[in-house]
Amino acid sequence: MEKYAWKGKIKDGCLEEYIRRHDNLPEDMKALLKAAGICNYTIWNVGNDLFGYYECEHGIEYAARVQSESPIVARWDAYMADILIMEKDPVTGAQPLLKQVFSLD
């Protein structure tokens, strides 16, 4: 199973709102992520910095394609734009994949 890690930044004063929105993640967004083969998805923060990690049951390319073609993800991205600073990969439309430099299995 391929792994995907990303980073982002919450705008000042928006951490509580970021958490609230994820606590209330819409059911269609949850279903879309599962349809993309995304599992074991976690997001961590330190201050305003975010680190996200998930595993891709059908591969990173498939997960990225399903998300980039979805109006659900486009709607979510627009909804989050007021509280997030996110760099996007111009090819996939997703957060740039972080390069893994170590793994302890």
Protein backbone atom coordinates (compact mmCIF):
# COMPACT_ATOMS: atom_id res chain seq x y z
CA MET A 1 0.00 0.00 0.00
CA GLU A 2 1.38 3.38 -0.98
CA LYS A 3 1.69 6.12 1.62
CA TYR A 4 0.98 9.82 1.13
CA ALA A 5 2.08 12.68 3.35
CA TRP A 6 1.37 16.38 2.94
CA LYS A 7 1.87 19.65 4.79
CA GLY A 8 -0.17 22.79 5.11
CA LYS A 9 -0.69 25.82 7.29
CA ILE A 10 -3.68 27.13 9.20
CA LYS A 11 -4.21 30.89 9.13
CA ASP A 12 -3.61 32.66 12.45
CA GLY A 13 -6.46 32.21 14.91
CA CYS A 14 -8.22 29.50 12.86
CA LEU A 15 -7.11 26.25 14.55
CA GLU A 16 -10.34 25.76 16.50
CA GLU A 17 -12.40 26.37 13.35
CA TYR A 18 -10.21 23.93 11.37
CA ILE A 19 -10.83 21.25 14.00
CA ARG A 20 -14.57 22.01 14.11
CA ARG A 21 -14.88 21.63 10.34
CA HIS A 22 -13.08 18.30 10.40
CA ASP A 23 -15.16 17.10 13.35
CA ASN A 24 -18.16 17.76 11.09
CA LEU A 25 -16.70 16.39 7.84
CA PRO A 26 -19.60 15.91 5.40
CA GLU A 27 -20.66 12.33 4.72
CA ASP A 28 -20.18 12.77 0.96
CA MET A 29 -16.56 13.81 1.56
CA LYS A 30 -15.95 10.76 3.76
CA ALA A 31 -17.47 8.51 1.09
CA LEU A 32 -15.37 10.12 -1.65
CA LEU A 33 -12.14 9.60 0.31
CA LYS A 34 -13.04 5.95 0.86
CA ALA A 35 -13.95 5.54 -2.83
CA ALA A 36 -10.50 6.93 -3.66
CA GLY A 37 -9.00 4.10 -1.59
CA ILE A 38 -7.81 6.44 1.16
CA CYS A 39 -7.51 4.88 4.61
CA ASN A 40 -5.65 5.40 7.87
CA TYR A 41 -5.95 9.18 7.32
CA THR A 42 -4.67 11.39 10.12
CA ILE A 43 -3.88 15.10 10.37
CA TRP A 44 -1.55 16.52 13.02
CA ASN A 45 -0.65 20.06 13.96
CA VAL A 46 2.00 21.98 15.82
CA GLY A 47 1.01 25.61 16.12
CA ASN A 48 -0.38 26.59 12.73
CA ASP A 49 1.56 23.92 10.83
CA LEU A 50 -0.30 20.83 9.61
CA PHE A 51 0.98 17.39 8.66
CA GLY A 52 -1.36 14.92 6.99
CA TYR A 53 -0.79 11.23 6.32
CA TYR A 54 -2.85 8.56 4.62
CA GLU A 55 -2.48 5.24 2.88
CA CYS A 56 -3.75 4.53 -0.63
CA GLU A 57 -5.29 1.10 -1.20
CA HIS A 58 -5.33 1.58 -4.99
CA GLY A 59 -2.17 3.71 -5.26
CA ILE A 60 -1.37 7.40 -5.01
CA GLU A 61 -2.17 8.15 -8.65
CA TYR A 62 -5.66 6.66 -8.36
CA ALA A 63 -6.40 8.53 -5.13
CA ALA A 64 -5.18 11.80 -6.64
CA ARG A 65 -7.24 11.31 -9.82
CA VAL A 66 -10.47 10.52 -7.96
CA GLN A 67 -10.02 13.60 -5.78
CA SER A 68 -9.02 15.95 -8.61
CA GLU A 69 -12.09 14.95 -10.66
CA SER A 70 -14.54 15.37 -7.79
CA PRO A 71 -16.83 18.38 -7.32
CA ILE A 72 -17.05 17.31 -3.66
CA VAL A 73 -13.34 17.98 -3.17
CA ALA A 74 -13.56 21.26 -5.11
CA ARG A 75 -16.40 22.35 -2.81
CA TRP A 76 -14.41 21.33 0.30
CA ASP A 77 -11.30 23.19 -0.91
CA ALA A 78 -13.36 26.34 -1.47
CA TYR A 79 -14.95 25.96 1.98
CA MET A 80 -11.52 25.65 3.64
CA ALA A 81 -9.81 28.45 1.67
CA ASP A 82 -10.63 31.10 4.27
CA ILE A 83 -8.70 29.31 7.04
CA LEU A 84 -5.92 27.45 5.17
CA ILE A 85 -2.75 28.24 3.27
CA MET A 86 -2.26 25.25 0.97
CA GLU A 87 0.30 24.76 -1.75
CA LYS A 88 -1.12 22.65 -4.60
CA ASP A 89 0.69 20.50 -7.16
CA PRO A 90 -0.24 21.96 -10.58
CA VAL A 91 -0.39 18.48 -12.14
CA THR A 92 -2.48 16.60 -9.56
CA GLY A 93 -4.28 19.50 -7.87
CA ALA A 94 -3.39 17.88 -4.53
CA GLN A 95 -0.94 18.91 -1.87
CA PRO A 96 2.59 18.10 -3.05
CA LEU A 97 3.70 14.66 -1.94
CA LEU A 98 6.35 14.80 0.77
CA LYS A 99 9.37 12.64 0.03
CA GLN A 100 9.84 9.82 2.53
CA VAL A 101 13.38 9.80 3.91
CA PHE A 102 13.06 7.16 6.65
CA SER A 103 10.87 4.23 7.59
CA LEU A 104 11.10 1.86 10.55
CA ASP A 105 9.09 -1.26 9.84
